[in-house]
Amino acid sequence: MNGSKVFSEACPPPKIVSDPQKDPVTPYRAVPLSTRQIFGTVVSLALFSFVYLAYAQHHALLFYVMTGLVGIYIVFVYVSGIFAVLYMVIVDYDLSKTASIDAGEQQESSI
């Protein structure tokens, strides 16, 4: 087999689209959350920060409780990350499914 022939069959050249009406561009979201969920998260963090800065500096119990919540959240994020890595190491993936993907589909999904 010729190496260049195998490469040319496996990786077809990208499509060149001159008319955006025929093939519109689909925007991708940075996170799989709706705008309402993102707004709610930002507002919640802003309120938490305001209470932490304005009131927790004068009340020791509120300071300890809110600092504990931040600590628990950080531990939760780290532990879930460790479990995610362990899951990916332990679970055996079926490589036949990933090998059957067309090179063009794989190229489009990575954009």
PDB file of N, CA and C in Angstrom:
ATOM      1  N   MET A   1       0.830  -1.182   0.000  1.00  0.00           N
ATOM      2  CA  MET A   1       0.000   0.000   0.000  1.00  0.00           C
ATOM      3  C   MET A   1       0.873   1.242   0.000  1.00  0.00           C
ATOM      4  N   ASN A   2       0.437   2.208  -0.715  1.00  0.00           N
ATOM      5  CA  ASN A   2       1.148   3.470  -0.770  1.00  0.00           C
ATOM      6  C   ASN A   2       0.685   4.344   0.397  1.00  0.00           C
ATOM      7  N   GLY A   3       1.637   4.894   1.172  1.00  0.00           N
ATOM      8  CA  GLY A   3       1.302   5.693   2.349  1.00  0.00           C
ATOM      9  C   GLY A   3       0.510   6.935   2.012  1.00  0.00           C
ATOM     10  N   SER A   4       0.830   7.585   0.901  1.00  0.00           N
ATOM     11  CA  SER A   4       0.118   8.816   0.559  1.00  0.00           C
ATOM     12  C   SER A   4      -1.316   8.529   0.137  1.00  0.00           C
ATOM     13  N   LYS A   5      -1.550   7.366  -0.479  1.00  0.00           N
ATOM     14  CA  LYS A   5      -2.903   7.015  -0.880  1.00  0.00           C
ATOM     15  C   LYS A   5      -3.778   6.754   0.343  1.00  0.00           C
ATOM     16  N   VAL A   6      -3.240   6.050   1.328  1.00  0.00           N
ATOM     17  CA  VAL A   6      -3.992   5.772   2.544  1.00  0.00           C
ATOM     18  C   VAL A   6      -4.314   7.079   3.261  1.00  0.00           C
ATOM     19  N   PHE A   7      -3.344   7.979   3.323  1.00  0.00           N
ATOM     20  CA  PHE A   7      -3.574   9.252   3.996  1.00  0.00           C
ATOM     21  C   PHE A   7      -4.632  10.068   3.277  1.00  0.00           C
ATOM     22  N   SER A   8      -4.616  10.084   1.958  1.00  0.00           N
ATOM     23  CA  SER A   8      -5.591  10.892   1.219  1.00  0.00           C
ATOM     24  C   SER A   8      -6.997  10.326   1.340  1.00  0.00           C
ATOM     25  N   GLU A   9      -7.132   9.000   1.488  1.00  0.00           N
ATOM     26  CA  GLU A   9      -8.459   8.417   1.657  1.00  0.00           C
ATOM     27  C   GLU A   9      -8.975   8.632   3.085  1.00  0.00           C
ATOM     28  N   ALA A  10      -8.075   8.604   4.066  1.00  0.00           N
ATOM     29  CA  ALA A  10      -8.491   8.731   5.455  1.00  0.00           C
ATOM     30  C   ALA A  10      -8.843  10.170   5.815  1.00  0.00           C
ATOM     31  N   CYS A  11      -8.169  11.134   5.220  1.00  0.00           N
ATOM     32  CA  CYS A  11      -8.384  12.543   5.558  1.00  0.00           C
ATOM     33  C   CYS A  11      -8.761  13.316   4.298  1.00  0.00           C
ATOM     34  N   PRO A  12     -10.037  13.373   3.960  1.00  0.00           N
ATOM     35  CA  PRO A  12     -10.424  14.127   2.774  1.00  0.00           C
ATOM     36  C   PRO A  12     -10.211  15.615   3.007  1.00  0.00           C
ATOM     37  N   PRO A  13     -10.032  16.370   1.945  1.00  0.00           N
ATOM     38  CA  PRO A  13      -9.842  17.812   2.117  1.00  0.00           C
ATOM     39  C   PRO A  13     -11.110  18.449   2.678  1.00  0.00           C
ATOM     40  N   PRO A  14     -10.966  19.537   3.429  1.00  0.00           N
ATOM     41  CA  PRO A  14     -12.146  20.187   4.007  1.00  0.00           C
ATOM     42  C   PRO A  14     -13.035  20.804   2.941  1.00  0.00           C
ATOM     43  N   LYS A  15     -14.344  20.874   3.259  1.00  0.00           N
ATOM     44  CA  LYS A  15     -15.281  21.502   2.339  1.00  0.00           C
ATOM     45  C   LYS A  15     -15.068  23.005   2.331  1.00  0.00           C
ATOM     46  N   ILE A  16     -15.139  23.585   1.157  1.00  0.00           N
ATOM     47  CA  ILE A  16     -15.077  25.036   1.035  1.00  0.00           C
ATOM     48  C   ILE A  16     -16.473  25.506   0.664  1.00  0.00           C
ATOM     49  N   VAL A  17     -17.053  26.301   1.526  1.00  0.00           N
ATOM     50  CA  VAL A  17     -18.417  26.782   1.319  1.00  0.00           C
ATOM     51  C   VAL A  17     -18.341  28.263   0.997  1.00  0.00           C
ATOM     52  N   SER A  18     -18.829  28.611  -0.168  1.00  0.00           N
ATOM     53  CA  SER A  18     -18.779  30.013  -0.559  1.00  0.00           C
ATOM     54  C   SER A  18     -20.080  30.746  -0.236  1.00  0.00           C
ATOM     55  N   ASP A  19     -21.177  29.994  -0.121  1.00  0.00           N
ATOM     56  CA  ASP A  19     -22.471  30.617   0.134  1.00  0.00           C
ATOM     57  C   ASP A  19     -22.952  30.250   1.532  1.00  0.00           C
ATOM     58  N   PRO A  20     -23.004  31.199   2.463  1.00  0.00           N
ATOM     59  CA  PRO A  20     -23.444  30.865   3.821  1.00  0.00           C
ATOM     60  C   PRO A  20     -24.918  30.487   3.903  1.00  0.00           C
ATOM     61  N   GLN A  21     -25.722  30.802   2.908  1.00  0.00           N
ATOM     62  CA  GLN A  21     -27.143  30.429   2.930  1.00  0.00           C
ATOM     63  C   GLN A  21     -27.312  28.931   2.721  1.00  0.00           C
ATOM     64  N   LYS A  22     -26.411  28.316   1.943  1.00  0.00           N
ATOM     65  CA  LYS A  22     -26.516  26.874   1.692  1.00  0.00           C
ATOM     66  C   LYS A  22     -26.054  26.065   2.899  1.00  0.00           C
ATOM     67  N   ASP A  23     -25.036  26.516   3.578  1.00  0.00           N
ATOM     68  CA  ASP A  23     -24.493  25.804   4.725  1.00  0.00           C
ATOM     69  C   ASP A  23     -24.263  26.807   5.857  1.00  0.00           C
ATOM     70  N   PRO A  24     -25.305  27.126   6.630  1.00  0.00           N
ATOM     71  CA  PRO A  24     -25.141  28.130   7.694  1.00  0.00           C
ATOM     72  C   PRO A  24     -24.228  27.618   8.804  1.00  0.00           C
ATOM     73  N   VAL A  25     -23.559  28.537   9.437  1.00  0.00           N
ATOM     74  CA  VAL A  25     -22.668  28.198  10.530  1.00  0.00           C
ATOM     75  C   VAL A  25     -23.498  28.061  11.807  1.00  0.00           C
ATOM     76  N   THR A  26     -23.266  26.979  12.538  1.00  0.00           N
ATOM     77  CA  THR A  26     -23.977  26.741  13.772  1.00  0.00           C
ATOM     78  C   THR A  26     -23.094  27.186  14.931  1.00  0.00           C
ATOM     79  N   PRO A  27     -23.537  28.149  15.731  1.00  0.00           N
ATOM     80  CA  PRO A  27     -22.706  28.574  16.861  1.00  0.00           C
ATOM     81  C   PRO A  27     -22.734  27.528  17.968  1.00  0.00           C
ATOM     82  N   TYR A  28     -21.619  27.372  18.635  1.00  0.00           N
ATOM     83  CA  TYR A  28     -21.515  26.434  19.741  1.00  0.00           C
ATOM     84  C   TYR A  28     -21.475  27.202  21.054  1.00  0.00           C
ATOM     85  N   ARG A  29     -22.130  26.650  22.074  1.00  0.00           N
ATOM     86  CA  ARG A  29     -22.119  27.273  23.396  1.00  0.00           C
ATOM     87  C   ARG A  29     -20.901  26.776  24.155  1.00  0.00           C
ATOM     88  N   ALA A  30     -20.347  27.641  24.996  1.00  0.00           N
ATOM     89  CA  ALA A  30     -19.172  27.270  25.775  1.00  0.00           C
ATOM     90  C   ALA A  30     -19.517  26.237  26.845  1.00  0.00           C
ATOM     91  N   VAL A  31     -20.716  26.303  27.383  1.00  0.00           N
ATOM     92  CA  VAL A  31     -21.158  25.357  28.399  1.00  0.00           C
ATOM     93  C   VAL A  31     -22.566  24.877  28.040  1.00  0.00           C
ATOM     94  N   PRO A  32     -22.937  23.677  28.488  1.00  0.00           N
ATOM     95  CA  PRO A  32     -24.274  23.155  28.153  1.00  0.00           C
ATOM     96  C   PRO A  32     -25.355  23.667  29.095  1.00  0.00           C
ATOM     97  N   LEU A  33     -25.343  24.954  29.372  1.00  0.00           N
ATOM     98  CA  LEU A  33     -26.342  25.561  30.243  1.00  0.00           C
ATOM     99  C   LEU A  33     -27.111  26.621  29.472  1.00  0.00           C
ATOM    100  N   SER A  34     -28.339  26.827  29.875  1.00  0.00           N
ATOM    101  CA  SER A  34     -29.129  27.871  29.238  1.00  0.00           C
ATOM    102  C   SER A  34     -28.681  29.229  29.773  1.00  0.00           C
ATOM    103  N   THR A  35     -29.104  30.272  29.103  1.00  0.00           N
ATOM    104  CA  THR A  35     -28.765  31.620  29.534  1.00  0.00           C
ATOM    105  C   THR A  35     -29.373  31.914  30.899  1.00  0.00           C
ATOM    106  N   ARG A  36     -30.558  31.412  31.158  1.00  0.00           N
ATOM    107  CA  ARG A  36     -31.220  31.611  32.448  1.00  0.00           C
ATOM    108  C   ARG A  36     -30.430  30.944  33.582  1.00  0.00           C
ATOM    109  N   GLN A  37     -29.912  29.743  33.344  1.00  0.00           N
ATOM    110  CA  GLN A  37     -29.125  29.058  34.364  1.00  0.00           C
ATOM    111  C   GLN A  37     -27.809  29.793  34.644  1.00  0.00           C
ATOM    112  N   ILE A  38     -27.184  30.285  33.607  1.00  0.00           N
ATOM    113  CA  ILE A  38     -25.937  31.034  33.774  1.00  0.00           C
ATOM    114  C   ILE A  38     -26.213  32.328  34.542  1.00  0.00           C
ATOM    115  N   PHE A  39     -27.286  33.009  34.195  1.00  0.00           N
ATOM    116  CA  PHE A  39     -27.640  34.243  34.893  1.00  0.00           C
ATOM    117  C   PHE A  39     -27.936  33.969  36.368  1.00  0.00           C
ATOM    118  N   GLY A  40     -28.663  32.908  36.658  1.00  0.00           N
ATOM    119  CA  GLY A  40     -28.956  32.546  38.044  1.00  0.00           C
ATOM    120  C   GLY A  40     -27.698  32.229  38.833  1.00  0.00           C
ATOM    121  N   THR A  41     -26.758  31.550  38.209  1.00  0.00           N
ATOM    122  CA  THR A  41     -25.494  31.235  38.874  1.00  0.00           C
ATOM    123  C   THR A  41     -24.710  32.499  39.175  1.00  0.00           C
ATOM    124  N   VAL A  42     -24.647  33.413  38.227  1.00  0.00           N
ATOM    125  CA  VAL A  42     -23.912  34.665  38.426  1.00  0.00           C
ATOM    126  C   VAL A  42     -24.555  35.504  39.519  1.00  0.00           C
ATOM    127  N   VAL A  43     -25.877  35.582  39.518  1.00  0.00           N
ATOM    128  CA  VAL A  43     -26.577  36.360  40.553  1.00  0.00           C
ATOM    129  C   VAL A  43     -26.357  35.718  41.927  1.00  0.00           C
ATOM    130  N   SER A  44     -26.425  34.397  42.008  1.00  0.00           N
ATOM    131  CA  SER A  44     -26.204  33.716  43.287  1.00  0.00           C
ATOM    132  C   SER A  44     -24.797  33.966  43.811  1.00  0.00           C
ATOM    133  N   LEU A  45     -23.812  33.880  42.937  1.00  0.00           N
ATOM    134  CA  LEU A  45     -22.437  34.148  43.361  1.00  0.00           C
ATOM    135  C   LEU A  45     -22.248  35.607  43.778  1.00  0.00           C
ATOM    136  N   ALA A  46     -22.910  36.512  43.077  1.00  0.00           N
ATOM    137  CA  ALA A  46     -22.803  37.927  43.442  1.00  0.00           C
ATOM    138  C   ALA A  46     -23.423  38.180  44.814  1.00  0.00           C
ATOM    139  N   LEU A  47     -24.590  37.593  45.088  1.00  0.00           N
ATOM    140  CA  LEU A  47     -25.222  37.756  46.399  1.00  0.00           C
ATOM    141  C   LEU A  47     -24.383  37.131  47.511  1.00  0.00           C
ATOM    142  N   PHE A  48     -23.844  35.941  47.240  1.00  0.00           N
ATOM    143  CA  PHE A  48     -22.984  35.283  48.226  1.00  0.00           C
ATOM    144  C   PHE A  48     -21.763  36.154  48.524  1.00  0.00           C
ATOM    145  N   SER A  49     -21.160  36.699  47.483  1.00  0.00           N
ATOM    146  CA  SER A  49     -19.982  37.550  47.668  1.00  0.00           C
ATOM    147  C   SER A  49     -20.327  38.808  48.447  1.00  0.00           C
ATOM    148  N   PHE A  50     -21.477  39.402  48.158  1.00  0.00           N
ATOM    149  CA  PHE A  50     -21.878  40.616  48.879  1.00  0.00           C
ATOM    150  C   PHE A  50     -22.092  40.329  50.361  1.00  0.00           C
ATOM    151  N   VAL A  51     -22.813  39.245  50.654  1.00  0.00           N
ATOM    152  CA  VAL A  51     -23.052  38.891  52.056  1.00  0.00           C
ATOM    153  C   VAL A  51     -21.731  38.563  52.739  1.00  0.00           C
ATOM    154  N   TYR A  52     -20.851  37.862  52.040  1.00  0.00           N
ATOM    155  CA  TYR A  52     -19.559  37.494  52.606  1.00  0.00           C
ATOM    156  C   TYR A  52     -18.726  38.734  52.917  1.00  0.00           C
ATOM    157  N   LEU A  53     -18.716  39.687  51.997  1.00  0.00           N
ATOM    158  CA  LEU A  53     -17.901  40.887  52.207  1.00  0.00           C
ATOM    159  C   LEU A  53     -18.549  41.886  53.165  1.00  0.00           C
ATOM    160  N   ALA A  54     -19.850  42.044  53.105  1.00  0.00           N
ATOM    161  CA  ALA A  54     -20.504  43.091  53.891  1.00  0.00           C
ATOM    162  C   ALA A  54     -20.828  42.650  55.315  1.00  0.00           C
ATOM    163  N   TYR A  55     -21.342  41.430  55.473  1.00  0.00           N
ATOM    164  CA  TYR A  55     -21.838  41.032  56.785  1.00  0.00           C
ATOM    165  C   TYR A  55     -20.920  40.056  57.512  1.00  0.00           C
ATOM    166  N   ALA A  56     -20.239  39.194  56.780  1.00  0.00           N
ATOM    167  CA  ALA A  56     -19.430  38.170  57.444  1.00  0.00           C
ATOM    168  C   ALA A  56     -18.207  38.755  58.137  1.00  0.00           C
ATOM    169  N   GLN A  57     -17.781  39.925  57.739  1.00  0.00           N
ATOM    170  CA  GLN A  57     -16.620  40.508  58.417  1.00  0.00           C
ATOM    171  C   GLN A  57     -16.980  41.033  59.805  1.00  0.00           C
ATOM    172  N   HIS A  58     -18.271  41.205  60.097  1.00  0.00           N
ATOM    173  CA  HIS A  58     -18.698  41.703  61.393  1.00  0.00           C
ATOM    174  C   HIS A  58     -19.289  40.610  62.288  1.00  0.00           C
ATOM    175  N   HIS A  59     -19.639  39.460  61.710  1.00  0.00           N
ATOM    176  CA  HIS A  59     -20.262  38.373  62.468  1.00  0.00           C
ATOM    177  C   HIS A  59     -19.401  37.116  62.312  1.00  0.00           C
ATOM    178  N   ALA A  60     -18.836  36.656  63.405  1.00  0.00           N
ATOM    179  CA  ALA A  60     -17.898  35.530  63.359  1.00  0.00           C
ATOM    180  C   ALA A  60     -18.577  34.238  62.906  1.00  0.00           C
ATOM    181  N   LEU A  61     -19.773  33.962  63.424  1.00  0.00           N
ATOM    182  CA  LEU A  61     -20.460  32.719  63.063  1.00  0.00           C
ATOM    183  C   LEU A  61     -20.786  32.690  61.566  1.00  0.00           C
ATOM    184  N   LEU A  62     -21.285  33.790  61.040  1.00  0.00           N
ATOM    185  CA  LEU A  62     -21.579  33.869  59.606  1.00  0.00           C
ATOM    186  C   LEU A  62     -20.303  33.701  58.782  1.00  0.00           C
ATOM    187  N   PHE A  63     -19.206  34.274  59.256  1.00  0.00           N
ATOM    188  CA  PHE A  63     -17.921  34.140  58.567  1.00  0.00           C
ATOM    189  C   PHE A  63     -17.490  32.677  58.517  1.00  0.00           C
ATOM    190  N   TYR A  64     -17.590  31.972  59.646  1.00  0.00           N
ATOM    191  CA  TYR A  64     -17.171  30.571  59.689  1.00  0.00           C
ATOM    192  C   TYR A  64     -18.069  29.689  58.823  1.00  0.00           C
ATOM    193  N   VAL A  65     -19.355  29.949  58.848  1.00  0.00           N
ATOM    194  CA  VAL A  65     -20.290  29.144  58.049  1.00  0.00           C
ATOM    195  C   VAL A  65     -20.036  29.359  56.554  1.00  0.00           C
ATOM    196  N   MET A  66     -19.882  30.598  56.133  1.00  0.00           N
ATOM    197  CA  MET A  66     -19.703  30.873  54.712  1.00  0.00           C
ATOM    198  C   MET A  66     -18.334  30.395  54.216  1.00  0.00           C
ATOM    199  N   THR A  67     -17.305  30.525  55.051  1.00  0.00           N
ATOM    200  CA  THR A  67     -15.994  30.012  54.681  1.00  0.00           C
ATOM    201  C   THR A  67     -16.031  28.489  54.609  1.00  0.00           C
ATOM    202  N   GLY A  68     -16.764  27.860  55.493  1.00  0.00           N
ATOM    203  CA  GLY A  68     -16.928  26.408  55.433  1.00  0.00           C
ATOM    204  C   GLY A  68     -17.628  25.963  54.169  1.00  0.00           C
ATOM    205  N   LEU A  69     -18.645  26.728  53.735  1.00  0.00           N
ATOM    206  CA  LEU A  69     -19.330  26.396  52.478  1.00  0.00           C
ATOM    207  C   LEU A  69     -18.376  26.468  51.288  1.00  0.00           C
ATOM    208  N   VAL A  70     -17.521  27.471  51.280  1.00  0.00           N
ATOM    209  CA  VAL A  70     -16.544  27.593  50.194  1.00  0.00           C
ATOM    210  C   VAL A  70     -15.585  26.404  50.237  1.00  0.00           C
ATOM    211  N   GLY A  71     -15.136  26.040  51.435  1.00  0.00           N
ATOM    212  CA  GLY A  71     -14.236  24.894  51.568  1.00  0.00           C
ATOM    213  C   GLY A  71     -14.873  23.591  51.129  1.00  0.00           C
ATOM    214  N   ILE A  72     -16.126  23.383  51.508  1.00  0.00           N
ATOM    215  CA  ILE A  72     -16.839  22.166  51.099  1.00  0.00           C
ATOM    216  C   ILE A  72     -16.990  22.125  49.579  1.00  0.00           C
ATOM    217  N   TYR A  73     -17.289  23.249  48.969  1.00  0.00           N
ATOM    218  CA  TYR A  73     -17.418  23.289  47.504  1.00  0.00           C
ATOM    219  C   TYR A  73     -16.093  22.955  46.825  1.00  0.00           C
ATOM    220  N   ILE A  74     -14.984  23.488  47.332  1.00  0.00           N
ATOM    221  CA  ILE A  74     -13.673  23.202  46.734  1.00  0.00           C
ATOM    222  C   ILE A  74     -13.343  21.720  46.862  1.00  0.00           C
ATOM    223  N   VAL A  75     -13.608  21.138  48.033  1.00  0.00           N
ATOM    224  CA  VAL A  75     -13.364  19.707  48.218  1.00  0.00           C
ATOM    225  C   VAL A  75     -14.245  18.892  47.269  1.00  0.00           C
ATOM    226  N   PHE A  76     -15.503  19.288  47.103  1.00  0.00           N
ATOM    227  CA  PHE A  76     -16.408  18.586  46.192  1.00  0.00           C
ATOM    228  C   PHE A  76     -15.876  18.618  44.754  1.00  0.00           C
ATOM    229  N   VAL A  77     -15.390  19.760  44.308  1.00  0.00           N
ATOM    230  CA  VAL A  77     -14.871  19.867  42.940  1.00  0.00           C
ATOM    231  C   VAL A  77     -13.654  18.972  42.751  1.00  0.00           C
ATOM    232  N   TYR A  78     -12.728  18.998  43.693  1.00  0.00           N
ATOM    233  CA  TYR A  78     -11.532  18.174  43.573  1.00  0.00           C
ATOM    234  C   TYR A  78     -11.858  16.684  43.626  1.00  0.00           C
ATOM    235  N   VAL A  79     -12.724  16.275  44.543  1.00  0.00           N
ATOM    236  CA  VAL A  79     -13.076  14.857  44.664  1.00  0.00           C
ATOM    237  C   VAL A  79     -13.817  14.379  43.424  1.00  0.00           C
ATOM    238  N   SER A  80     -14.727  15.191  42.880  1.00  0.00           N
ATOM    239  CA  SER A  80     -15.435  14.773  41.661  1.00  0.00           C
ATOM    240  C   SER A  80     -14.463  14.688  40.490  1.00  0.00           C
ATOM    241  N   GLY A  81     -13.455  15.541  40.435  1.00  0.00           N
ATOM    242  CA  GLY A  81     -12.442  15.440  39.384  1.00  0.00           C
ATOM    243  C   GLY A  81     -11.620  14.175  39.514  1.00  0.00           C
ATOM    244  N   ILE A  82     -11.246  13.830  40.737  1.00  0.00           N
ATOM    245  CA  ILE A  82     -10.485  12.596  40.954  1.00  0.00           C
ATOM    246  C   ILE A  82     -11.326  11.382  40.572  1.00  0.00           C
ATOM    247  N   PHE A  83     -12.592  11.374  40.951  1.00  0.00           N
ATOM    248  CA  PHE A  83     -13.466  10.256  40.575  1.00  0.00           C
ATOM    249  C   PHE A  83     -13.677  10.186  39.063  1.00  0.00           C
ATOM    250  N   ALA A  84     -13.750  11.327  38.405  1.00  0.00           N
ATOM    251  CA  ALA A  84     -13.905  11.321  36.943  1.00  0.00           C
ATOM    252  C   ALA A  84     -12.682  10.707  36.273  1.00  0.00           C
ATOM    253  N   VAL A  85     -11.494  11.049  36.757  1.00  0.00           N
ATOM    254  CA  VAL A  85     -10.271  10.470  36.191  1.00  0.00           C
ATOM    255  C   VAL A  85     -10.211   8.975  36.475  1.00  0.00           C
ATOM    256  N   LEU A  86     -10.549   8.565  37.697  1.00  0.00           N
ATOM    257  CA  LEU A  86     -10.555   7.136  38.015  1.00  0.00           C
ATOM    258  C   LEU A  86     -11.563   6.382  37.154  1.00  0.00           C
ATOM    259  N   TYR A  87     -12.709   6.964  36.911  1.00  0.00           N
ATOM    260  CA  TYR A  87     -13.720   6.334  36.060  1.00  0.00           C
ATOM    261  C   TYR A  87     -13.186   6.129  34.643  1.00  0.00           C
ATOM    262  N   MET A  88     -12.514   7.162  34.119  1.00  0.00           N
ATOM    263  CA  MET A  88     -11.978   7.043  32.757  1.00  0.00           C
ATOM    264  C   MET A  88     -10.860   6.014  32.680  1.00  0.00           C
ATOM    265  N   VAL A  89     -10.119   5.818  33.769  1.00  0.00           N
ATOM    266  CA  VAL A  89      -9.046   4.823  33.781  1.00  0.00           C
ATOM    267  C   VAL A  89      -9.621   3.420  33.905  1.00  0.00           C
ATOM    268  N   ILE A  90     -10.655   3.248  34.713  1.00  0.00           N
ATOM    269  CA  ILE A  90     -11.192   1.921  34.986  1.00  0.00           C
ATOM    270  C   ILE A  90     -12.086   1.405  33.856  1.00  0.00           C
ATOM    271  N   VAL A  91     -12.935   2.253  33.296  1.00  0.00           N
ATOM    272  CA  VAL A  91     -13.900   1.814  32.288  1.00  0.00           C
ATOM    273  C   VAL A  91     -13.184   1.477  30.991  1.00  0.00           C
ATOM    274  N   ASP A  92     -13.524   0.331  30.428  1.00  0.00           N
ATOM    275  CA  ASP A  92     -12.932  -0.105  29.165  1.00  0.00           C
ATOM    276  C   ASP A  92     -13.806   0.394  28.023  1.00  0.00           C
ATOM    277  N   TYR A  93     -13.206   1.142  27.100  1.00  0.00           N
ATOM    278  CA  TYR A  93     -13.942   1.706  25.981  1.00  0.00           C
ATOM    279  C   TYR A  93     -13.938   0.751  24.802  1.00  0.00           C
ATOM    280  N   ASP A  94     -15.035   0.736  24.062  1.00  0.00           N
ATOM    281  CA  ASP A  94     -15.138  -0.075  22.862  1.00  0.00           C
ATOM    282  C   ASP A  94     -14.537   0.715  21.706  1.00  0.00           C
ATOM    283  N   LEU A  95     -13.350   0.320  21.273  1.00  0.00           N
ATOM    284  CA  LEU A  95     -12.655   1.075  20.239  1.00  0.00           C
ATOM    285  C   LEU A  95     -13.262   0.874  18.854  1.00  0.00           C
ATOM    286  N   SER A  96     -14.065  -0.178  18.641  1.00  0.00           N
ATOM    287  CA  SER A  96     -14.662  -0.391  17.333  1.00  0.00           C
ATOM    288  C   SER A  96     -15.674   0.697  17.005  1.00  0.00           C
ATOM    289  N   LYS A  97     -16.345   1.252  18.023  1.00  0.00           N
ATOM    290  CA  LYS A  97     -17.298   2.327  17.774  1.00  0.00           C
ATOM    291  C   LYS A  97     -16.583   3.601  17.348  1.00  0.00           C
ATOM    292  N   THR A  98     -15.468   3.907  17.992  1.00  0.00           N
ATOM    293  CA  THR A  98     -14.747   5.130  17.643  1.00  0.00           C
ATOM    294  C   THR A  98     -13.999   4.984  16.338  1.00  0.00           C
ATOM    295  N   ALA A  99     -13.595   3.779  15.974  1.00  0.00           N
ATOM    296  CA  ALA A  99     -12.867   3.583  14.726  1.00  0.00           C
ATOM    297  C   ALA A  99     -13.797   3.636  13.514  1.00  0.00           C
ATOM    298  N   SER A 100     -15.093   3.416  13.720  1.00  0.00           N
ATOM    299  CA  SER A 100     -16.017   3.397  12.596  1.00  0.00           C
ATOM    300  C   SER A 100     -16.505   4.786  12.205  1.00  0.00           C
ATOM    301  N   ILE A 101     -16.126   5.795  12.940  1.00  0.00           N
ATOM    302  CA  ILE A 101     -16.552   7.158  12.611  1.00  0.00           C
ATOM    303  C   ILE A 101     -15.845   7.609  11.340  1.00  0.00           C
ATOM    304  N   ASP A 102     -16.602   8.178  10.450  1.00  0.00           N
ATOM    305  CA  ASP A 102     -16.035   8.687   9.213  1.00  0.00           C
ATOM    306  C   ASP A 102     -15.090   9.845   9.525  1.00  0.00           C
ATOM    307  N   ALA A 103     -14.016   9.969   8.790  1.00  0.00           N
ATOM    308  CA  ALA A 103     -13.030  11.027   9.044  1.00  0.00           C
ATOM    309  C   ALA A 103     -13.662  12.408   8.885  1.00  0.00           C
ATOM    310  N   GLY A 104     -14.574  12.570   7.938  1.00  0.00           N
ATOM    311  CA  GLY A 104     -15.241  13.851   7.762  1.00  0.00           C
ATOM    312  C   GLY A 104     -16.112  14.210   8.938  1.00  0.00           C
ATOM    313  N   GLU A 105     -16.833  13.240   9.493  1.00  0.00           N
ATOM    314  CA  GLU A 105     -17.666  13.489  10.659  1.00  0.00           C
ATOM    315  C   GLU A 105     -16.801  13.833  11.862  1.00  0.00           C
ATOM    316  N   GLN A 106     -15.676  13.137  11.989  1.00  0.00           N
ATOM    317  CA  GLN A 106     -14.790  13.411  13.120  1.00  0.00           C
ATOM    318  C   GLN A 106     -14.200  14.805  12.999  1.00  0.00           C
ATOM    319  N   GLN A 107     -13.868  15.217  11.793  1.00  0.00           N
ATOM    320  CA  GLN A 107     -13.302  16.546  11.600  1.00  0.00           C
ATOM    321  C   GLN A 107     -14.357  17.616  11.916  1.00  0.00           C
ATOM    322  N   GLU A 108     -15.605  17.413  11.505  1.00  0.00           N
ATOM    323  CA  GLU A 108     -16.662  18.376  11.790  1.00  0.00           C
ATOM    324  C   GLU A 108     -16.968  18.444  13.268  1.00  0.00           C
ATOM    325  N   SER A 109     -16.895  17.305  13.979  1.00  0.00           N
ATOM    326  CA  SER A 109     -17.218  17.323  15.397  1.00  0.00           C
ATOM    327  C   SER A 109     -16.120  17.966  16.221  1.00  0.00           C
ATOM    328  N   SER A 110     -14.910  18.034  15.703  1.00  0.00           N
ATOM    329  CA  SER A 110     -13.829  18.635  16.476  1.00  0.00           C
ATOM    330  C   SER A 110     -13.728  20.129  16.289  1.00  0.00           C
ATOM    331  N   ILE A 111     -14.529  20.693  15.404  1.00  0.00           N
ATOM    332  CA  ILE A 111     -14.456  22.145  15.144  1.00  0.00           C
ATOM    333  C   ILE A 111     -15.176  22.897  16.216  1.00  0.00           C
TER     334      ILE A 111
END
